[in-house]
N, C-alpha and C. Protein backbone atom coordinates (compact mmCIF):
# COMPACT_ATOMS: atom_id res chain seq x y z
N UNK A 1 -52.61 136.00 -8.95
CA UNK A 1 -53.34 134.74 -8.95
C UNK A 1 -52.80 133.81 -7.87
N UNK A 2 -52.03 134.34 -6.94
CA UNK A 2 -51.47 133.51 -5.87
C UNK A 2 -52.36 133.42 -4.64
N UNK A 3 -53.36 134.27 -4.58
CA UNK A 3 -54.19 134.33 -3.37
C UNK A 3 -55.13 133.13 -3.26
N UNK A 4 -55.31 132.71 -2.01
CA UNK A 4 -56.25 131.62 -1.70
C UNK A 4 -57.60 132.23 -1.35
N UNK A 5 -58.49 131.41 -0.84
CA UNK A 5 -59.82 131.88 -0.44
C UNK A 5 -59.71 133.01 0.58
N UNK A 6 -58.86 132.84 1.58
CA UNK A 6 -58.72 133.87 2.61
C UNK A 6 -58.23 135.18 2.02
N UNK A 7 -57.23 135.11 1.15
CA UNK A 7 -56.68 136.31 0.54
C UNK A 7 -57.69 137.02 -0.35
N UNK A 8 -58.45 136.25 -1.11
CA UNK A 8 -59.47 136.85 -1.98
C UNK A 8 -60.60 137.46 -1.15
N UNK A 9 -60.98 136.81 -0.04
CA UNK A 9 -62.02 137.36 0.84
C UNK A 9 -61.58 138.70 1.41
N UNK A 10 -60.31 138.80 1.78
CA UNK A 10 -59.78 140.06 2.32
C UNK A 10 -59.82 141.14 1.24
N UNK A 11 -59.50 140.79 0.00
CA UNK A 11 -59.58 141.77 -1.09
C UNK A 11 -61.01 142.28 -1.28
N UNK A 12 -61.97 141.37 -1.19
CA UNK A 12 -63.38 141.77 -1.34
C UNK A 12 -63.74 142.81 -0.28
N UNK A 13 -63.29 142.59 0.95
CA UNK A 13 -63.61 143.51 2.05
C UNK A 13 -62.83 144.81 1.92
N UNK A 14 -61.51 144.73 1.75
CA UNK A 14 -60.67 145.93 1.80
C UNK A 14 -60.70 146.75 0.51
N UNK A 15 -60.64 146.10 -0.64
CA UNK A 15 -60.58 146.82 -1.91
C UNK A 15 -61.96 147.14 -2.48
N UNK A 16 -62.87 146.18 -2.40
CA UNK A 16 -64.20 146.36 -2.98
C UNK A 16 -65.19 146.94 -1.98
N UNK A 17 -64.84 146.84 -0.71
CA UNK A 17 -65.71 147.28 0.38
C UNK A 17 -67.08 146.60 0.30
N UNK A 18 -67.04 145.28 0.07
CA UNK A 18 -68.24 144.47 0.00
C UNK A 18 -68.12 143.31 0.97
N UNK A 19 -69.24 142.67 1.24
CA UNK A 19 -69.30 141.51 2.12
C UNK A 19 -69.09 140.25 1.29
N UNK A 20 -68.02 139.49 1.52
CA UNK A 20 -67.77 138.30 0.70
C UNK A 20 -68.81 137.20 0.88
N UNK A 21 -69.68 137.29 1.90
CA UNK A 21 -70.71 136.28 2.10
C UNK A 21 -72.02 136.67 1.42
N UNK A 22 -72.04 137.78 0.71
CA UNK A 22 -73.26 138.17 0.00
C UNK A 22 -73.48 137.24 -1.19
N UNK A 23 -74.68 137.25 -1.72
CA UNK A 23 -75.03 136.39 -2.85
C UNK A 23 -74.47 136.98 -4.13
N UNK A 24 -73.18 136.73 -4.38
CA UNK A 24 -72.51 137.25 -5.57
C UNK A 24 -71.33 136.36 -5.89
N UNK A 25 -70.88 136.44 -7.12
CA UNK A 25 -69.66 135.75 -7.54
C UNK A 25 -68.60 136.84 -7.72
N UNK A 26 -67.49 136.70 -7.04
CA UNK A 26 -66.40 137.67 -7.14
C UNK A 26 -65.36 137.09 -8.08
N UNK A 27 -65.14 137.77 -9.20
CA UNK A 27 -64.26 137.27 -10.25
C UNK A 27 -62.96 138.07 -10.25
N UNK A 28 -61.85 137.35 -10.23
CA UNK A 28 -60.52 137.95 -10.26
C UNK A 28 -59.81 137.43 -11.49
N UNK A 29 -59.25 138.34 -12.27
CA UNK A 29 -58.61 137.95 -13.53
C UNK A 29 -57.12 138.25 -13.44
N UNK A 30 -56.29 137.34 -13.96
CA UNK A 30 -54.85 137.50 -13.93
C UNK A 30 -54.37 138.55 -14.93
N UNK A 31 -53.16 139.03 -14.74
CA UNK A 31 -52.59 140.06 -15.63
C UNK A 31 -52.53 139.60 -17.07
N UNK A 32 -52.23 138.34 -17.29
CA UNK A 32 -52.14 137.84 -18.67
C UNK A 32 -53.52 137.54 -19.25
N UNK A 33 -54.56 137.65 -18.44
CA UNK A 33 -55.97 137.46 -18.81
C UNK A 33 -56.29 136.06 -19.31
N UNK A 34 -55.44 135.08 -18.99
CA UNK A 34 -55.75 133.70 -19.36
C UNK A 34 -56.22 132.88 -18.16
N UNK A 35 -56.21 133.48 -16.96
CA UNK A 35 -56.62 132.79 -15.74
C UNK A 35 -57.63 133.64 -14.97
N UNK A 36 -58.62 132.96 -14.41
CA UNK A 36 -59.54 133.65 -13.50
C UNK A 36 -59.76 132.77 -12.27
N UNK A 37 -60.08 133.45 -11.18
CA UNK A 37 -60.54 132.79 -9.95
C UNK A 37 -61.88 133.41 -9.60
N UNK A 38 -62.78 132.57 -9.15
CA UNK A 38 -64.10 133.03 -8.75
C UNK A 38 -64.32 132.61 -7.31
N UNK A 39 -64.66 133.57 -6.48
CA UNK A 39 -64.95 133.32 -5.07
C UNK A 39 -66.45 133.38 -4.88
N UNK A 40 -66.99 132.37 -4.24
CA UNK A 40 -68.45 132.25 -4.05
C UNK A 40 -68.72 131.72 -2.65
N UNK A 41 -69.60 132.39 -1.90
CA UNK A 41 -70.00 131.91 -0.59
C UNK A 41 -71.27 131.08 -0.75
N UNK A 42 -71.33 129.94 -0.06
CA UNK A 42 -72.48 129.03 -0.17
C UNK A 42 -72.91 128.56 1.21
N UNK A 43 -73.83 129.25 1.82
CA UNK A 43 -74.47 128.92 3.10
C UNK A 43 -73.52 128.84 4.29
N UNK A 44 -72.49 128.02 4.24
CA UNK A 44 -71.62 127.90 5.41
C UNK A 44 -70.14 127.80 5.06
N UNK A 45 -69.80 128.20 3.86
CA UNK A 45 -68.40 128.14 3.46
C UNK A 45 -68.18 128.72 2.08
N UNK A 46 -66.92 128.81 1.70
CA UNK A 46 -66.55 129.40 0.42
C UNK A 46 -66.15 128.34 -0.59
N UNK A 47 -66.44 128.63 -1.84
CA UNK A 47 -65.95 127.89 -2.99
C UNK A 47 -64.96 128.79 -3.71
N UNK A 48 -63.93 128.21 -4.29
CA UNK A 48 -63.06 128.95 -5.17
C UNK A 48 -62.90 128.14 -6.45
N UNK A 49 -63.27 128.76 -7.55
CA UNK A 49 -63.16 128.12 -8.86
C UNK A 49 -61.99 128.76 -9.59
N UNK A 50 -61.28 127.97 -10.36
CA UNK A 50 -60.10 128.43 -11.07
C UNK A 50 -60.15 127.91 -12.49
N UNK A 51 -59.97 128.80 -13.45
CA UNK A 51 -60.00 128.36 -14.85
C UNK A 51 -58.84 129.00 -15.60
N UNK A 52 -58.23 128.19 -16.46
CA UNK A 52 -57.16 128.66 -17.34
C UNK A 52 -57.62 128.40 -18.78
N UNK A 53 -57.56 129.44 -19.60
CA UNK A 53 -57.83 129.27 -21.02
C UNK A 53 -56.53 128.89 -21.71
N UNK A 54 -56.56 127.90 -22.56
CA UNK A 54 -55.36 127.38 -23.19
C UNK A 54 -54.89 128.25 -24.36
N UNK A 55 -55.80 128.64 -25.24
CA UNK A 55 -55.38 129.38 -26.44
C UNK A 55 -56.04 130.73 -26.56
N UNK A 56 -56.71 131.19 -25.55
CA UNK A 56 -57.45 132.45 -25.63
C UNK A 56 -57.14 133.30 -24.41
N UNK A 57 -57.74 134.46 -24.36
CA UNK A 57 -57.67 135.36 -23.22
C UNK A 57 -59.10 135.75 -22.86
N UNK A 58 -59.35 135.93 -21.57
CA UNK A 58 -60.65 136.43 -21.15
C UNK A 58 -60.79 137.87 -21.59
N UNK A 59 -61.94 138.22 -22.11
CA UNK A 59 -62.21 139.58 -22.53
C UNK A 59 -63.08 140.25 -21.48
N UNK A 60 -62.45 141.09 -20.69
CA UNK A 60 -63.13 141.78 -19.58
C UNK A 60 -63.96 142.91 -20.17
N UNK A 61 -65.28 142.90 -20.00
CA UNK A 61 -66.14 143.93 -20.62
C UNK A 61 -66.10 145.25 -19.84
N UNK A 62 -65.04 146.03 -20.00
CA UNK A 62 -64.81 147.24 -19.22
C UNK A 62 -65.96 148.24 -19.29
N UNK A 63 -66.57 148.37 -20.45
CA UNK A 63 -67.63 149.38 -20.61
C UNK A 63 -68.91 149.01 -19.85
N UNK A 64 -69.01 147.79 -19.34
CA UNK A 64 -70.22 147.36 -18.65
C UNK A 64 -70.20 147.70 -17.17
N UNK A 65 -69.06 148.09 -16.64
CA UNK A 65 -68.93 148.28 -15.20
C UNK A 65 -69.64 149.53 -14.74
N UNK A 66 -70.30 149.42 -13.59
CA UNK A 66 -70.92 150.55 -12.91
C UNK A 66 -70.31 150.58 -11.52
N UNK A 67 -69.51 151.60 -11.25
CA UNK A 67 -68.85 151.75 -9.95
C UNK A 67 -68.13 150.46 -9.53
N UNK A 68 -67.28 149.94 -10.38
CA UNK A 68 -66.43 148.78 -10.11
C UNK A 68 -67.19 147.46 -9.93
N UNK A 69 -68.45 147.42 -10.24
CA UNK A 69 -69.19 146.15 -10.19
C UNK A 69 -69.79 145.87 -11.56
N UNK A 70 -70.03 144.62 -11.78
CA UNK A 70 -70.58 144.19 -13.06
C UNK A 70 -71.67 143.16 -12.77
N UNK A 71 -72.85 143.40 -13.30
CA UNK A 71 -73.94 142.44 -13.13
C UNK A 71 -74.18 141.75 -14.45
N UNK A 72 -74.15 140.43 -14.41
CA UNK A 72 -74.38 139.63 -15.61
C UNK A 72 -75.53 138.66 -15.37
N UNK A 73 -76.23 138.35 -16.44
CA UNK A 73 -77.19 137.26 -16.36
C UNK A 73 -76.40 135.96 -16.33
N UNK A 74 -77.02 134.87 -16.00
CA UNK A 74 -76.35 133.58 -16.00
C UNK A 74 -75.81 133.25 -17.40
N UNK A 75 -76.61 133.51 -18.43
CA UNK A 75 -76.17 133.24 -19.80
C UNK A 75 -74.93 134.07 -20.16
N UNK A 76 -74.91 135.34 -19.77
CA UNK A 76 -73.76 136.19 -20.05
C UNK A 76 -72.53 135.69 -19.30
N UNK A 77 -72.72 135.27 -18.05
CA UNK A 77 -71.60 134.78 -17.23
C UNK A 77 -71.01 133.51 -17.85
N UNK A 78 -71.85 132.60 -18.28
CA UNK A 78 -71.39 131.37 -18.93
C UNK A 78 -70.64 131.71 -20.22
N UNK A 79 -71.17 132.63 -20.99
CA UNK A 79 -70.54 133.08 -22.22
C UNK A 79 -69.13 133.62 -21.92
N UNK A 80 -69.01 134.44 -20.87
CA UNK A 80 -67.71 134.99 -20.46
C UNK A 80 -66.76 133.87 -20.03
N UNK A 81 -67.25 132.93 -19.23
CA UNK A 81 -66.39 131.84 -18.75
C UNK A 81 -65.87 130.96 -19.88
N UNK A 82 -66.57 130.93 -20.98
CA UNK A 82 -66.12 130.16 -22.14
C UNK A 82 -65.05 130.92 -22.93
N UNK A 83 -64.73 132.13 -22.51
CA UNK A 83 -63.71 132.92 -23.18
C UNK A 83 -64.26 133.81 -24.28
N UNK A 84 -65.56 133.94 -24.34
CA UNK A 84 -66.18 134.76 -25.38
C UNK A 84 -66.16 136.23 -24.99
N UNK A 85 -66.18 137.08 -26.00
CA UNK A 85 -66.10 138.52 -25.81
C UNK A 85 -67.49 139.10 -25.58
N UNK A 86 -67.72 139.71 -24.43
CA UNK A 86 -69.01 140.31 -24.11
C UNK A 86 -69.15 141.72 -24.69
N UNK A 87 -68.04 142.35 -25.10
CA UNK A 87 -68.11 143.73 -25.59
C UNK A 87 -69.03 143.88 -26.79
N UNK A 88 -69.12 142.87 -27.64
CA UNK A 88 -69.99 142.96 -28.80
C UNK A 88 -71.46 142.87 -28.45
N UNK A 89 -71.74 142.37 -27.27
CA UNK A 89 -73.13 142.26 -26.82
C UNK A 89 -73.53 143.53 -26.09
N UNK A 90 -74.78 143.71 -25.91
CA UNK A 90 -75.28 144.83 -25.11
C UNK A 90 -75.67 144.26 -23.75
N UNK A 91 -75.31 144.96 -22.65
CA UNK A 91 -75.77 144.48 -21.35
C UNK A 91 -77.30 144.50 -21.33
N UNK A 92 -77.89 143.46 -20.79
CA UNK A 92 -79.34 143.40 -20.71
C UNK A 92 -79.85 144.31 -19.61
N UNK A 93 -80.92 145.00 -19.90
CA UNK A 93 -81.58 145.81 -18.88
C UNK A 93 -82.86 145.07 -18.52
N UNK A 94 -83.28 145.16 -17.26
CA UNK A 94 -84.52 144.49 -16.88
C UNK A 94 -85.69 144.97 -17.73
N UNK A 95 -86.48 144.05 -18.20
CA UNK A 95 -87.64 144.42 -19.02
C UNK A 95 -88.78 144.87 -18.12
N UNK A 96 -89.43 145.94 -18.52
CA UNK A 96 -90.61 146.41 -17.82
C UNK A 96 -91.82 145.88 -18.54
N UNK A 97 -92.66 145.19 -17.80
CA UNK A 97 -93.86 144.61 -18.39
C UNK A 97 -95.02 145.56 -18.19
N UNK A 98 -95.78 145.79 -19.23
CA UNK A 98 -96.95 146.67 -19.17
C UNK A 98 -98.17 145.87 -19.58
N UNK A 99 -99.22 146.03 -18.83
CA UNK A 99 -100.49 145.39 -19.20
C UNK A 99 -101.22 146.30 -20.16
N UNK A 100 -101.72 145.70 -21.20
CA UNK A 100 -102.52 146.45 -22.16
C UNK A 100 -103.99 146.25 -21.82
N UNK A 101 -104.72 147.32 -21.85
CA UNK A 101 -106.14 147.26 -21.51
C UNK A 101 -106.97 146.70 -22.61
């Protein structure tokens, strides 16, 4: 959890092999799981958000990952940031809409 924006950007490129300027939130969780940093690119610069949970631990939903990436809806992401456990939920799959004749 010592890395700054530059250090986290380098991790995104070297470890994740992704572009840190893509439309995504890159979440890094500390070993004790009570701290997270989020790296976000916004048009012409980076944001870094930092959160510490006082009496809880972040519950990383390991079973949701597909090839080291995790896609969450906004509601799921907010739920996670509040320290809630996503494992009890099911990852949402895009709904297919069918027209009935």
